[in-house]
Amino acid sequence: MVSMGRVAAAAVREPVRLLDYGPSYGRPWESTGGAAYLLSMSDDRPRLWTPQELAEYTGIPIRTLADWRTERARSRGLGLPFVALSAHNVRYRDEDVEAFIAGRLVAPIDRAGD
């Protein structure tokens, strides 16, 4: 559980927004797991995609993303660049996802000359 002292200290560093649900038709206040969740109100941090989010967004199976992270696949130029935050915590930068998608754009063939 996050103490109010930590919340106040975080609010001094940067603006934050506390997320909690309000009362709902006679029921008491519902909390988001009993802790105060902080969201930064500034969007200056880069977007980091989890493998699950990326799989849902692109339709590429999670197993394929994992296969692309192997040294053998990377040496063959397969896959996307990734950020290894730890051995089991992998993320993909938004700009790398955008570049990956843009690099696979297939344009129609111009048949005007036929």
C-alpha atoms as a PDB file:
ATOM      1  CA  MET A   1       0.000   0.000   0.000  1.00  0.00           C
ATOM      2  CA  VAL A   2       1.291   3.454  -0.860  1.00  0.00           C
ATOM      3  CA  SER A   3       1.507   5.842   2.048  1.00  0.00           C
ATOM      4  CA  MET A   4       0.169   9.386   1.723  1.00  0.00           C
ATOM      5  CA  GLY A   5       3.683  10.667   2.445  1.00  0.00           C
ATOM      6  CA  ARG A   6       4.927   9.003  -0.727  1.00  0.00           C
ATOM      7  CA  VAL A   7       1.963  10.342  -2.681  1.00  0.00           C
ATOM      8  CA  ALA A   8       2.668  13.880  -1.458  1.00  0.00           C
ATOM      9  CA  ALA A   9       6.373  13.514  -2.267  1.00  0.00           C
ATOM     10  CA  ALA A  10       5.527  12.303  -5.767  1.00  0.00           C
ATOM     11  CA  ALA A  11       3.126  15.210  -6.263  1.00  0.00           C
ATOM     12  CA  VAL A  12       5.917  17.663  -5.483  1.00  0.00           C
ATOM     13  CA  ARG A  13       8.187  16.108  -8.145  1.00  0.00           C
ATOM     14  CA  GLU A  14       5.595  16.009 -10.903  1.00  0.00           C
ATOM     15  CA  PRO A  15       1.822  16.308 -11.268  1.00  0.00           C
ATOM     16  CA  VAL A  16       0.047  13.033 -10.624  1.00  0.00           C
ATOM     17  CA  ARG A  17      -3.474  11.736 -10.786  1.00  0.00           C
ATOM     18  CA  LEU A  18      -4.873   9.281  -8.221  1.00  0.00           C
ATOM     19  CA  LEU A  19      -7.188   6.659  -9.649  1.00  0.00           C
ATOM     20  CA  ASP A  20     -10.057   5.397  -7.555  1.00  0.00           C
ATOM     21  CA  TYR A  21     -13.601   4.491  -8.373  1.00  0.00           C
ATOM     22  CA  GLY A  22     -16.425   6.470  -6.815  1.00  0.00           C
ATOM     23  CA  PRO A  23     -19.495   5.136  -5.049  1.00  0.00           C
ATOM     24  CA  SER A  24     -21.796   3.181  -7.301  1.00  0.00           C
ATOM     25  CA  TYR A  25     -25.510   3.076  -6.504  1.00  0.00           C
ATOM     26  CA  GLY A  26     -25.370   2.608  -2.761  1.00  0.00           C
ATOM     27  CA  ARG A  27     -22.183   0.568  -2.691  1.00  0.00           C
ATOM     28  CA  PRO A  28     -19.178   1.942  -0.794  1.00  0.00           C
ATOM     29  CA  TRP A  29     -16.131   3.363  -2.532  1.00  0.00           C
ATOM     30  CA  GLU A  30     -14.341   0.724  -4.551  1.00  0.00           C
ATOM     31  CA  SER A  31     -10.573   0.944  -4.677  1.00  0.00           C
ATOM     32  CA  THR A  32      -8.220  -0.204  -7.417  1.00  0.00           C
ATOM     33  CA  GLY A  33      -6.656  -2.996  -5.417  1.00  0.00           C
ATOM     34  CA  GLY A  34      -6.312  -1.096  -2.120  1.00  0.00           C
ATOM     35  CA  ALA A  35      -3.377   1.019  -3.295  1.00  0.00           C
ATOM     36  CA  ALA A  36      -3.233   4.480  -4.788  1.00  0.00           C
ATOM     37  CA  TYR A  37      -2.111   4.169  -8.364  1.00  0.00           C
ATOM     38  CA  LEU A  38      -0.214   7.115  -9.746  1.00  0.00           C
ATOM     39  CA  LEU A  39      -0.274   8.142 -13.354  1.00  0.00           C
ATOM     40  CA  SER A  40       2.007  10.765 -14.718  1.00  0.00           C
ATOM     41  CA  MET A  41       0.075  13.561 -16.377  1.00  0.00           C
ATOM     42  CA  SER A  42       2.926  14.309 -18.766  1.00  0.00           C
ATOM     43  CA  ASP A  43       3.421  12.247 -21.922  1.00  0.00           C
ATOM     44  CA  ASP A  44       7.159  12.833 -22.297  1.00  0.00           C
ATOM     45  CA  ARG A  45       8.083   9.239 -21.450  1.00  0.00           C
ATOM     46  CA  PRO A  46       8.453   6.803 -24.378  1.00  0.00           C
ATOM     47  CA  ARG A  47       5.758   4.187 -24.884  1.00  0.00           C
ATOM     48  CA  LEU A  48       6.965   0.673 -24.062  1.00  0.00           C
ATOM     49  CA  TRP A  49       4.883  -2.226 -25.367  1.00  0.00           C
ATOM     50  CA  THR A  50       4.684  -5.562 -23.557  1.00  0.00           C
ATOM     51  CA  PRO A  51       4.843  -8.666 -25.768  1.00  0.00           C
ATOM     52  CA  GLN A  52       1.143  -9.277 -25.014  1.00  0.00           C
ATOM     53  CA  GLU A  53       0.156  -5.740 -26.069  1.00  0.00           C
ATOM     54  CA  LEU A  54       2.274  -5.963 -29.219  1.00  0.00           C
ATOM     55  CA  ALA A  55       0.784  -9.340 -30.124  1.00  0.00           C
ATOM     56  CA  GLU A  56      -2.749  -7.979 -29.733  1.00  0.00           C
ATOM     57  CA  TYR A  57      -1.903  -4.849 -31.754  1.00  0.00           C
ATOM     58  CA  THR A  58      -0.103  -6.534 -34.657  1.00  0.00           C
ATOM     59  CA  GLY A  59      -1.542 -10.046 -34.676  1.00  0.00           C
ATOM     60  CA  ILE A  60       1.960 -11.514 -34.394  1.00  0.00           C
ATOM     61  CA  PRO A  61       1.830 -14.453 -31.943  1.00  0.00           C
ATOM     62  CA  ILE A  62       3.666 -14.024 -28.629  1.00  0.00           C
ATOM     63  CA  ARG A  63       5.663 -17.183 -29.415  1.00  0.00           C
ATOM     64  CA  THR A  64       6.907 -15.627 -32.671  1.00  0.00           C
ATOM     65  CA  LEU A  65       7.985 -12.476 -30.817  1.00  0.00           C
ATOM     66  CA  ALA A  66       9.867 -14.686 -28.345  1.00  0.00           C
ATOM     67  CA  ASP A  67      11.509 -16.623 -31.189  1.00  0.00           C
ATOM     68  CA  TRP A  68      12.624 -13.339 -32.780  1.00  0.00           C
ATOM     69  CA  ARG A  69      14.403 -12.390 -29.545  1.00  0.00           C
ATOM     70  CA  THR A  70      16.770 -15.371 -29.779  1.00  0.00           C
ATOM     71  CA  GLU A  71      20.369 -14.725 -30.752  1.00  0.00           C
ATOM     72  CA  ARG A  72      20.053 -16.920 -33.844  1.00  0.00           C
ATOM     73  CA  ALA A  73      17.040 -14.991 -35.170  1.00  0.00           C
ATOM     74  CA  ARG A  74      18.628 -11.624 -34.402  1.00  0.00           C
ATOM     75  CA  SER A  75      21.810 -12.637 -36.243  1.00  0.00           C
ATOM     76  CA  ARG A  76      19.636 -13.374 -39.291  1.00  0.00           C
ATOM     77  CA  GLY A  77      17.987  -9.935 -39.066  1.00  0.00           C
ATOM     78  CA  LEU A  78      14.576 -11.172 -37.930  1.00  0.00           C
ATOM     79  CA  GLY A  79      12.249  -9.434 -35.530  1.00  0.00           C
ATOM     80  CA  LEU A  80      12.107  -6.125 -33.743  1.00  0.00           C
ATOM     81  CA  PRO A  81      14.609  -4.373 -31.509  1.00  0.00           C
ATOM     82  CA  PHE A  82      13.635  -4.857 -27.878  1.00  0.00           C
ATOM     83  CA  VAL A  83      14.508  -3.572 -24.433  1.00  0.00           C
ATOM     84  CA  ALA A  84      15.524  -6.271 -21.939  1.00  0.00           C
ATOM     85  CA  LEU A  85      14.685  -4.720 -18.564  1.00  0.00           C
ATOM     86  CA  SER A  86      15.549  -8.056 -16.943  1.00  0.00           C
ATOM     87  CA  ALA A  87      15.796 -11.676 -18.024  1.00  0.00           C
ATOM     88  CA  HIS A  88      11.992 -12.066 -17.989  1.00  0.00           C
ATOM     89  CA  ASN A  89      10.863  -8.471 -18.511  1.00  0.00           C
ATOM     90  CA  VAL A  90      10.979  -7.458 -22.182  1.00  0.00           C
ATOM     91  CA  ARG A  91       9.490  -4.355 -23.783  1.00  0.00           C
ATOM     92  CA  TYR A  92       9.353  -2.864 -27.279  1.00  0.00           C
ATOM     93  CA  ARG A  93       9.818   0.870 -27.934  1.00  0.00           C
ATOM     94  CA  ASP A  94       7.020   2.631 -29.789  1.00  0.00           C
ATOM     95  CA  GLU A  95       9.333   4.080 -32.433  1.00  0.00           C
ATOM     96  CA  ASP A  96      10.732   0.599 -33.183  1.00  0.00           C
ATOM     97  CA  VAL A  97       7.209  -0.806 -33.553  1.00  0.00           C
ATOM     98  CA  GLU A  98       6.287   2.062 -35.909  1.00  0.00           C
ATOM     99  CA  ALA A  99       9.469   1.514 -37.977  1.00  0.00           C
ATOM    100  CA  PHE A 100       8.844  -2.243 -38.127  1.00  0.00           C
ATOM    101  CA  ILE A 101       5.323  -1.699 -39.450  1.00  0.00           C
ATOM    102  CA  ALA A 102       6.435   0.995 -41.907  1.00  0.00           C
ATOM    103  CA  GLY A 103       9.205  -1.304 -43.189  1.00  0.00           C
ATOM    104  CA  ARG A 104       6.641  -3.932 -44.143  1.00  0.00           C
ATOM    105  CA  LEU A 105       4.436  -1.637 -46.189  1.00  0.00           C
ATOM    106  CA  VAL A 106       3.654  -3.240 -49.523  1.00  0.00           C
ATOM    107  CA  ALA A 107       2.625  -0.768 -52.232  1.00  0.00           C
ATOM    108  CA  PRO A 108       0.496  -1.775 -55.194  1.00  0.00           C
ATOM    109  CA  ILE A 109       2.279  -2.431 -58.459  1.00  0.00           C
ATOM    110  CA  ASP A 110       1.768   0.297 -61.064  1.00  0.00           C
ATOM    111  CA  ARG A 111       0.376  -1.352 -64.199  1.00  0.00           C
ATOM    112  CA  ALA A 112      -0.129   1.904 -66.133  1.00  0.00           C
ATOM    113  CA  GLY A 113       2.780   1.039 -68.447  1.00  0.00           C
ATOM    114  CA  ASP A 114       1.265  -2.268 -69.639  1.00  0.00           C
END
